[in-house]
Amino acid sequence: MNTTRPVALVTGSTSGIGAAIARRLSKDGFAVIVHSRSSAEAGHTLAQDLPNATYVQADLAIEADRERLISEAIAIWGRLDVLVNNAGISRVIPHGDLLAAAPDVWQELHEVNVVAPFRLVAYAESALRDAAARGKAGCVINVSSHAGVRPKGASIPYAATKAALNHVTRLLALSLAPHIRVNAVAPGLVDTPMTADWAGAQQVWKEQSPMRRAASPEDIAQAVAMLVASDYLTGEILLSDGGLNLT
């Protein structure tokens, strides 16, 4: 089926930041493809809650699934205008415990957090260029982390993958311009069920960040929507940490 609406694929979008992005882009008039690796029931439920939305399941650690995700996403409405690479994984390892950051951890995080977003862009490139032919440049938004900008994060391998994703963002922005814009949002602490018991981090954001709180998923979705709406910005890493980086 075809649609005159622009179409956005949001990976990892059945909960948290990804779900907020999917809801915000739907509100902004996009047809949305919801995605997850395993939470299919939640994905179908969210897609049913949104107008002009559908769900596709895929494991982004598997190359064949990456290709299938993009091909199915394009086939649904015959176009793809926006790709939001939100899906990612993390491992909590103290930065000083070097031996615990074993090679398999590095490889697992790198495959999902760096290789997968790059490969999804590669598979989506032609469709995103077609978006430009309709009058508005195709758009890629990578969801990174403040851990890729500052020496922070759940583990050194995780932080390193987000730093790599930031640089991939800039390289792709240069390579794909002007027909495809590529930017990233780099959140700090975000209030989700996963971070609810992170007492130390919660205290830091309440006491030290200028905004005196962690971000909500909707805050990050708003930042993504702003970059999607722009016709000019590309190659930017939008640090979204409530100003903590200033302290």
C-alpha atoms as a PDB file:
ATOM      1  CA  MET A   1       0.000   0.000   0.000  1.00  0.00           C
ATOM      2  CA  ASN A   2       1.115   3.567  -0.625  1.00  0.00           C
ATOM      3  CA  THR A   3       0.761   6.710   1.449  1.00  0.00           C
ATOM      4  CA  THR A   4       1.228  10.394   0.826  1.00  0.00           C
ATOM      5  CA  ARG A   5       2.522  10.719   4.385  1.00  0.00           C
ATOM      6  CA  PRO A   6       6.268  10.663   4.949  1.00  0.00           C
ATOM      7  CA  VAL A   7       7.379   7.353   6.463  1.00  0.00           C
ATOM      8  CA  ALA A   8       9.707   6.863   9.428  1.00  0.00           C
ATOM      9  CA  LEU A   9      11.308   3.666  10.706  1.00  0.00           C
ATOM     10  CA  VAL A  10      12.247   3.803  14.403  1.00  0.00           C
ATOM     11  CA  THR A  11      14.362   0.886  15.590  1.00  0.00           C
ATOM     12  CA  GLY A  12      14.028  -0.339  19.157  1.00  0.00           C
ATOM     13  CA  SER A  13      10.725   1.454  19.513  1.00  0.00           C
ATOM     14  CA  THR A  14       8.481  -0.695  21.716  1.00  0.00           C
ATOM     15  CA  SER A  15       9.404   1.074  24.971  1.00  0.00           C
ATOM     16  CA  GLY A  16      11.333   3.968  26.483  1.00  0.00           C
ATOM     17  CA  ILE A  17      12.957   6.517  24.189  1.00  0.00           C
ATOM     18  CA  GLY A  18      12.091   4.615  21.022  1.00  0.00           C
ATOM     19  CA  ALA A  19       8.385   4.433  21.817  1.00  0.00           C
ATOM     20  CA  ALA A  20       8.348   8.150  22.627  1.00  0.00           C
ATOM     21  CA  ILE A  21      10.011   8.900  19.284  1.00  0.00           C
ATOM     22  CA  ALA A  22       7.507   6.737  17.424  1.00  0.00           C
ATOM     23  CA  ARG A  23       4.595   8.502  19.133  1.00  0.00           C
ATOM     24  CA  ARG A  24       6.059  11.954  18.466  1.00  0.00           C
ATOM     25  CA  LEU A  25       6.715  11.310  14.774  1.00  0.00           C
ATOM     26  CA  SER A  26       3.222   9.867  14.412  1.00  0.00           C
ATOM     27  CA  LYS A  27       1.836  13.035  16.000  1.00  0.00           C
ATOM     28  CA  ASP A  28       3.917  15.050  13.527  1.00  0.00           C
ATOM     29  CA  GLY A  29       2.203  13.324  10.605  1.00  0.00           C
ATOM     30  CA  PHE A  30       4.485  10.402   9.813  1.00  0.00           C
ATOM     31  CA  ALA A  31       3.467   6.871   9.030  1.00  0.00           C
ATOM     32  CA  VAL A  32       5.639   4.880  11.438  1.00  0.00           C
ATOM     33  CA  ILE A  33       7.276   1.472  11.350  1.00  0.00           C
ATOM     34  CA  VAL A  34       7.745   0.206  14.900  1.00  0.00           C
ATOM     35  CA  HIS A  35      10.562  -2.299  15.471  1.00  0.00           C
ATOM     36  CA  SER A  36      12.031  -4.514  18.166  1.00  0.00           C
ATOM     37  CA  ARG A  37      14.161  -7.618  18.481  1.00  0.00           C
ATOM     38  CA  SER A  38      11.868  -9.635  20.735  1.00  0.00           C
ATOM     39  CA  SER A  39       8.945  -7.674  22.233  1.00  0.00           C
ATOM     40  CA  ALA A  40       6.547  -8.411  19.381  1.00  0.00           C
ATOM     41  CA  GLU A  41       3.378  -8.130  21.464  1.00  0.00           C
ATOM     42  CA  ALA A  42       4.313  -4.657  22.658  1.00  0.00           C
ATOM     43  CA  GLY A  43       5.247  -3.714  19.104  1.00  0.00           C
ATOM     44  CA  HIS A  44       1.919  -4.763  17.672  1.00  0.00           C
ATOM     45  CA  THR A  45       0.096  -2.983  20.506  1.00  0.00           C
ATOM     46  CA  LEU A  46       1.936   0.293  19.898  1.00  0.00           C
ATOM     47  CA  ALA A  47       1.380   0.062  16.148  1.00  0.00           C
ATOM     48  CA  GLN A  48      -2.334  -0.447  16.747  1.00  0.00           C
ATOM     49  CA  ASP A  49      -2.421   2.600  19.018  1.00  0.00           C
ATOM     50  CA  LEU A  50      -0.943   4.875  16.351  1.00  0.00           C
ATOM     51  CA  PRO A  51      -2.609   5.925  13.092  1.00  0.00           C
ATOM     52  CA  ASN A  52      -0.788   4.634  10.008  1.00  0.00           C
ATOM     53  CA  ALA A  53       1.678   2.438  11.902  1.00  0.00           C
ATOM     54  CA  THR A  54       2.880  -1.124  11.580  1.00  0.00           C
ATOM     55  CA  TYR A  55       5.374  -3.400  13.322  1.00  0.00           C
ATOM     56  CA  VAL A  56       8.352  -5.383  12.018  1.00  0.00           C
ATOM     57  CA  GLN A  57      10.455  -7.723  14.147  1.00  0.00           C
ATOM     58  CA  ALA A  58      14.170  -8.135  13.437  1.00  0.00           C
ATOM     59  CA  ASP A  59      17.398  -8.945  15.278  1.00  0.00           C
ATOM     60  CA  LEU A  60      19.872  -6.212  14.392  1.00  0.00           C
ATOM     61  CA  ALA A  61      22.812  -8.399  15.379  1.00  0.00           C
ATOM     62  CA  ILE A  62      22.026 -10.506  12.285  1.00  0.00           C
ATOM     63  CA  GLU A  63      22.926  -9.090   8.878  1.00  0.00           C
ATOM     64  CA  ALA A  64      20.083 -10.853   7.049  1.00  0.00           C
ATOM     65  CA  ASP A  65      17.587  -9.343   9.509  1.00  0.00           C
ATOM     66  CA  ARG A  66      18.983  -5.869   8.909  1.00  0.00           C
ATOM     67  CA  GLU A  67      18.446  -6.187   5.180  1.00  0.00           C
ATOM     68  CA  ARG A  68      14.984  -7.682   5.682  1.00  0.00           C
ATOM     69  CA  LEU A  69      13.940  -4.927   8.082  1.00  0.00           C
ATOM     70  CA  ILE A  70      14.710  -2.216   5.551  1.00  0.00           C
ATOM     71  CA  SER A  71      13.169  -4.075   2.609  1.00  0.00           C
ATOM     72  CA  GLU A  72       9.966  -4.791   4.555  1.00  0.00           C
ATOM     73  CA  ALA A  73       9.801  -1.222   5.871  1.00  0.00           C
ATOM     74  CA  ILE A  74      10.033   0.176   2.341  1.00  0.00           C
ATOM     75  CA  ALA A  75       7.562  -2.350   0.971  1.00  0.00           C
ATOM     76  CA  ILE A  76       4.837  -1.441   3.472  1.00  0.00           C
ATOM     77  CA  TRP A  77       4.141   2.037   2.094  1.00  0.00           C
ATOM     78  CA  GLY A  78       6.429   2.178  -0.914  1.00  0.00           C
ATOM     79  CA  ARG A  79       8.752   4.787   0.577  1.00  0.00           C
ATOM     80  CA  LEU A  80      11.068   5.609   3.486  1.00  0.00           C
ATOM     81  CA  ASP A  81      11.830   9.201   4.434  1.00  0.00           C
ATOM     82  CA  VAL A  82      13.332   8.961   7.914  1.00  0.00           C
ATOM     83  CA  LEU A  83      15.437   6.300   9.646  1.00  0.00           C
ATOM     84  CA  VAL A  84      15.893   6.630  13.416  1.00  0.00           C
ATOM     85  CA  ASN A  85      18.612   4.288  14.656  1.00  0.00           C
ATOM     86  CA  ASN A  86      17.485   4.107  18.267  1.00  0.00           C
ATOM     87  CA  ALA A  87      18.089   0.420  19.048  1.00  0.00           C
ATOM     88  CA  GLY A  88      21.196  -0.301  21.075  1.00  0.00           C
ATOM     89  CA  ILE A  89      22.525  -2.502  23.843  1.00  0.00           C
ATOM     90  CA  SER A  90      24.654  -1.885  26.912  1.00  0.00           C
ATOM     91  CA  ARG A  91      26.605  -3.836  29.500  1.00  0.00           C
ATOM     92  CA  VAL A  92      27.323  -2.528  33.017  1.00  0.00           C
ATOM     93  CA  ILE A  93      31.023  -3.031  33.788  1.00  0.00           C
ATOM     94  CA  PRO A  94      33.058  -0.845  36.195  1.00  0.00           C
ATOM     95  CA  HIS A  95      35.533   1.167  34.158  1.00  0.00           C
ATOM     96  CA  GLY A  96      38.409  -0.001  36.346  1.00  0.00           C
ATOM     97  CA  ASP A  97      37.649  -3.705  35.854  1.00  0.00           C
ATOM     98  CA  LEU A  98      39.541  -4.069  32.599  1.00  0.00           C
ATOM     99  CA  LEU A  99      39.521  -7.853  32.447  1.00  0.00           C
ATOM    100  CA  ALA A 100      35.725  -7.939  32.704  1.00  0.00           C
ATOM    101  CA  ALA A 101      35.507  -5.981  29.452  1.00  0.00           C
ATOM    102  CA  ALA A 102      36.269  -9.119  27.497  1.00  0.00           C
ATOM    103  CA  PRO A 103      36.564  -9.298  23.696  1.00  0.00           C
ATOM    104  CA  ASP A 104      33.103 -10.855  23.345  1.00  0.00           C
ATOM    105  CA  VAL A 105      31.570  -7.852  25.120  1.00  0.00           C
ATOM    106  CA  TRP A 106      33.362  -5.454  22.770  1.00  0.00           C
ATOM    107  CA  GLN A 107      32.267  -7.432  19.727  1.00  0.00           C
ATOM    108  CA  GLU A 108      28.637  -7.773  20.841  1.00  0.00           C
ATOM    109  CA  LEU A 109      28.207  -4.056  21.581  1.00  0.00           C
ATOM    110  CA  HIS A 110      30.075  -2.935  18.468  1.00  0.00           C
ATOM    111  CA  GLU A 111      27.965  -5.149  16.202  1.00  0.00           C
ATOM    112  CA  VAL A 112      24.645  -3.748  17.435  1.00  0.00           C
ATOM    113  CA  ASN A 113      25.602  -0.170  18.333  1.00  0.00           C
ATOM    114  CA  VAL A 114      27.883   0.688  15.402  1.00  0.00           C
ATOM    115  CA  VAL A 115      27.756  -1.855  12.584  1.00  0.00           C
ATOM    116  CA  ALA A 116      23.962  -2.265  12.595  1.00  0.00           C
ATOM    117  CA  PRO A 117      23.112   1.456  12.271  1.00  0.00           C
ATOM    118  CA  PHE A 118      25.659   1.828   9.472  1.00  0.00           C
ATOM    119  CA  ARG A 119      24.315  -1.178   7.601  1.00  0.00           C
ATOM    120  CA  LEU A 120      20.706  -0.013   7.965  1.00  0.00           C
ATOM    121  CA  VAL A 121      21.688   3.303   6.396  1.00  0.00           C
ATOM    122  CA  ALA A 122      23.445   1.454   3.590  1.00  0.00           C
ATOM    123  CA  TYR A 123      20.351  -0.626   2.843  1.00  0.00           C
ATOM    124  CA  ALA A 124      18.052   2.418   3.140  1.00  0.00           C
ATOM    125  CA  GLU A 125      20.214   4.804   1.085  1.00  0.00           C
ATOM    126  CA  SER A 126      18.322   4.440  -2.187  1.00  0.00           C
ATOM    127  CA  ALA A 127      14.914   4.996  -0.572  1.00  0.00           C
ATOM    128  CA  LEU A 128      16.205   7.977   1.411  1.00  0.00           C
ATOM    129  CA  ARG A 129      17.584   9.508  -1.799  1.00  0.00           C
ATOM    130  CA  ASP A 130      14.153   9.061  -3.347  1.00  0.00           C
ATOM    131  CA  ALA A 131      12.782  11.166  -0.478  1.00  0.00           C
ATOM    132  CA  ALA A 132      14.995  14.017  -1.618  1.00  0.00           C
ATOM    133  CA  ALA A 133      13.531  13.721  -5.102  1.00  0.00           C
ATOM    134  CA  ARG A 134      10.119  14.405  -3.542  1.00  0.00           C
ATOM    135  CA  GLY A 135      11.395  17.736  -2.239  1.00  0.00           C
ATOM    136  CA  LYS A 136      12.759  17.061   1.255  1.00  0.00           C
ATOM    137  CA  ALA A 137      16.093  15.410   1.973  1.00  0.00           C
ATOM    138  CA  GLY A 138      16.047  11.953   3.451  1.00  0.00           C
ATOM    139  CA  CYS A 139      16.916  11.942   7.129  1.00  0.00           C
ATOM    140  CA  VAL A 140      18.856   9.683   9.482  1.00  0.00           C
ATOM    141  CA  ILE A 141      18.908  10.246  13.239  1.00  0.00           C
ATOM    142  CA  ASN A 142      21.259   8.122  15.345  1.00  0.00           C
ATOM    143  CA  VAL A 143      20.518   7.893  19.060  1.00  0.00           C
ATOM    144  CA  SER A 144      23.895   8.053  20.739  1.00  0.00           C
ATOM    145  CA  SER A 145      24.782   8.941  24.344  1.00  0.00           C
ATOM    146  CA  HIS A 146      26.599  11.571  26.349  1.00  0.00           C
ATOM    147  CA  ALA A 147      28.945   8.656  27.166  1.00  0.00           C
ATOM    148  CA  GLY A 148      30.204   8.974  23.595  1.00  0.00           C
ATOM    149  CA  VAL A 149      31.167  12.589  24.220  1.00  0.00           C
ATOM    150  CA  ARG A 150      32.396  12.525  27.837  1.00  0.00           C
ATOM    151  CA  PRO A 151      34.374   9.797  29.676  1.00  0.00           C
ATOM    152  CA  LYS A 152      31.245   8.343  31.277  1.00  0.00           C
ATOM    153  CA  GLY A 153      28.876   5.453  30.677  1.00  0.00           C
ATOM    154  CA  ALA A 154      27.854   2.009  31.880  1.00  0.00           C
ATOM    155  CA  SER A 155      31.095   0.517  30.579  1.00  0.00           C
ATOM    156  CA  ILE A 156      34.108   1.502  28.506  1.00  0.00           C
ATOM    157  CA  PRO A 157      33.038  -0.745  25.587  1.00  0.00           C
ATOM    158  CA  TYR A 158      29.586   0.880  25.596  1.00  0.00           C
ATOM    159  CA  ALA A 159      31.001   4.419  25.686  1.00  0.00           C
ATOM    160  CA  ALA A 160      33.452   3.572  22.905  1.00  0.00           C
ATOM    161  CA  THR A 161      30.644   2.323  20.648  1.00  0.00           C
ATOM    162  CA  LYS A 162      28.715   5.553  21.143  1.00  0.00           C
ATOM    163  CA  ALA A 163      31.812   7.627  20.372  1.00  0.00           C
ATOM    164  CA  ALA A 164      32.225   5.559  17.214  1.00  0.00           C
ATOM    165  CA  LEU A 165      28.566   6.106  16.313  1.00  0.00           C
ATOM    166  CA  ASN A 166      29.056   9.857  16.667  1.00  0.00           C
ATOM    167  CA  HIS A 167      31.949   9.778  14.222  1.00  0.00           C
ATOM    168  CA  VAL A 168      30.045   7.524  11.823  1.00  0.00           C
ATOM    169  CA  THR A 169      27.270  10.141  11.965  1.00  0.00           C
ATOM    170  CA  ARG A 170      29.653  12.868  10.820  1.00  0.00           C
ATOM    171  CA  LEU A 171      31.239  10.700   8.130  1.00  0.00           C
ATOM    172  CA  LEU A 172      27.865   9.710   6.697  1.00  0.00           C
ATOM    173  CA  ALA A 173      26.637  13.302   6.810  1.00  0.00           C
ATOM    174  CA  LEU A 174      29.594  14.296   4.649  1.00  0.00           C
ATOM    175  CA  SER A 175      29.245  11.332   2.296  1.00  0.00           C
ATOM    176  CA  LEU A 176      25.484  11.483   1.747  1.00  0.00           C
ATOM    177  CA  ALA A 177      24.860  15.246   1.545  1.00  0.00           C
ATOM    178  CA  PRO A 178      22.905  17.021   0.228  1.00  0.00           C
ATOM    179  CA  HIS A 179      20.297  14.358  -0.502  1.00  0.00           C
ATOM    180  CA  ILE A 180      20.403  12.706   2.949  1.00  0.00           C
ATOM    181  CA  ARG A 181      20.942  14.515   6.233  1.00  0.00           C
ATOM    182  CA  VAL A 182      22.533  12.562   9.115  1.00  0.00           C
ATOM    183  CA  ASN A 183      22.503  13.765  12.732  1.00  0.00           C
ATOM    184  CA  ALA A 184      22.625  12.261  16.211  1.00  0.00           C
ATOM    185  CA  VAL A 185      21.040  12.933  19.574  1.00  0.00           C
ATOM    186  CA  ALA A 186      23.240  12.143  22.579  1.00  0.00           C
ATOM    187  CA  PRO A 187      21.096  11.841  25.736  1.00  0.00           C
ATOM    188  CA  GLY A 188      22.389  11.859  29.272  1.00  0.00           C
ATOM    189  CA  LEU A 189      20.307  10.183  31.945  1.00  0.00           C
ATOM    190  CA  VAL A 190      16.742   9.460  30.797  1.00  0.00           C
ATOM    191  CA  ASP A 191      13.943   8.449  33.163  1.00  0.00           C
ATOM    192  CA  THR A 192      12.912   4.949  32.087  1.00  0.00           C
ATOM    193  CA  PRO A 193      12.096   1.796  34.051  1.00  0.00           C
ATOM    194  CA  MET A 194      15.691   0.653  33.483  1.00  0.00           C
ATOM    195  CA  THR A 195      17.160   3.756  35.182  1.00  0.00           C
ATOM    196  CA  ALA A 196      14.610   4.063  38.009  1.00  0.00           C
ATOM    197  CA  ASP A 197      16.978   2.527  40.571  1.00  0.00           C
ATOM    198  CA  TRP A 198      20.105   4.367  39.403  1.00  0.00           C
ATOM    199  CA  ALA A 199      20.153   6.429  42.602  1.00  0.00           C
ATOM    200  CA  GLY A 200      23.628   7.857  42.113  1.00  0.00           C
ATOM    201  CA  ALA A 201      22.971   9.089  38.587  1.00  0.00           C
ATOM    202  CA  GLN A 202      19.571  10.475  39.563  1.00  0.00           C
ATOM    203  CA  GLN A 203      21.216  12.482  42.344  1.00  0.00           C
ATOM    204  CA  VAL A 204      23.880  13.850  39.997  1.00  0.00           C
ATOM    205  CA  TRP A 205      21.293  15.140  37.540  1.00  0.00           C
ATOM    206  CA  LYS A 206      19.090  16.626  40.269  1.00  0.00           C
ATOM    207  CA  GLU A 207      21.945  18.393  42.001  1.00  0.00           C
ATOM    208  CA  GLN A 208      24.473  19.229  39.281  1.00  0.00           C
ATOM    209  CA  SER A 209      22.682  19.661  35.956  1.00  0.00           C
ATOM    210  CA  PRO A 210      21.371  23.148  35.202  1.00  0.00           C
ATOM    211  CA  MET A 211      17.920  21.698  34.458  1.00  0.00           C
ATOM    212  CA  ARG A 212      17.941  19.864  37.827  1.00  0.00           C
ATOM    213  CA  ARG A 213      16.463  16.650  36.443  1.00  0.00           C
ATOM    214  CA  ALA A 214      17.001  13.751  34.103  1.00  0.00           C
ATOM    215  CA  ALA A 215      15.369  13.821  30.680  1.00  0.00           C
ATOM    216  CA  SER A 216      12.035  12.208  29.993  1.00  0.00           C
ATOM    217  CA  PRO A 217      11.731  10.006  26.901  1.00  0.00           C
ATOM    218  CA  GLU A 218       9.520  12.748  25.471  1.00  0.00           C
ATOM    219  CA  ASP A 219      12.360  15.269  25.868  1.00  0.00           C
ATOM    220  CA  ILE A 220      14.582  13.131  23.666  1.00  0.00           C
ATOM    221  CA  ALA A 221      11.745  12.544  21.202  1.00  0.00           C
ATOM    222  CA  GLN A 222      11.324  16.312  20.938  1.00  0.00           C
ATOM    223  CA  ALA A 223      15.026  16.693  20.095  1.00  0.00           C
ATOM    224  CA  VAL A 224      14.741  13.991  17.436  1.00  0.00           C
ATOM    225  CA  ALA A 225      11.645  15.639  15.975  1.00  0.00           C
ATOM    226  CA  MET A 226      13.458  18.966  15.806  1.00  0.00           C
ATOM    227  CA  LEU A 227      16.318  17.440  13.809  1.00  0.00           C
ATOM    228  CA  VAL A 228      13.868  15.633  11.546  1.00  0.00           C
ATOM    229  CA  ALA A 229      12.002  18.881  10.869  1.00  0.00           C
ATOM    230  CA  SER A 230      15.167  20.781   9.969  1.00  0.00           C
ATOM    231  CA  ASP A 231      15.986  21.169   6.297  1.00  0.00           C
ATOM    232  CA  TYR A 232      19.545  22.336   6.906  1.00  0.00           C
ATOM    233  CA  LEU A 233      21.277  20.720   9.884  1.00  0.00           C
ATOM    234  CA  THR A 234      23.541  17.769   9.177  1.00  0.00           C
ATOM    235  CA  GLY A 235      26.529  16.183  10.902  1.00  0.00           C
ATOM    236  CA  GLU A 236      25.455  17.472  14.314  1.00  0.00           C
ATOM    237  CA  ILE A 237      25.682  15.578  17.614  1.00  0.00           C
ATOM    238  CA  LEU A 238      22.981  17.167  19.768  1.00  0.00           C
ATOM    239  CA  LEU A 239      24.053  16.671  23.377  1.00  0.00           C
ATOM    240  CA  SER A 240      20.806  16.358  25.336  1.00  0.00           C
ATOM    241  CA  ASP A 241      21.870  16.142  28.970  1.00  0.00           C
ATOM    242  CA  GLY A 242      20.103  19.097  30.584  1.00  0.00           C
ATOM    243  CA  GLY A 243      23.339  21.069  30.553  1.00  0.00           C
ATOM    244  CA  LEU A 244      25.317  18.644  32.761  1.00  0.00           C
ATOM    245  CA  ASN A 245      28.206  18.918  30.301  1.00  0.00           C
ATOM    246  CA  LEU A 246      28.599  22.564  31.362  1.00  0.00           C
ATOM    247  CA  THR A 247      29.480  21.657  34.941  1.00  0.00           C
END
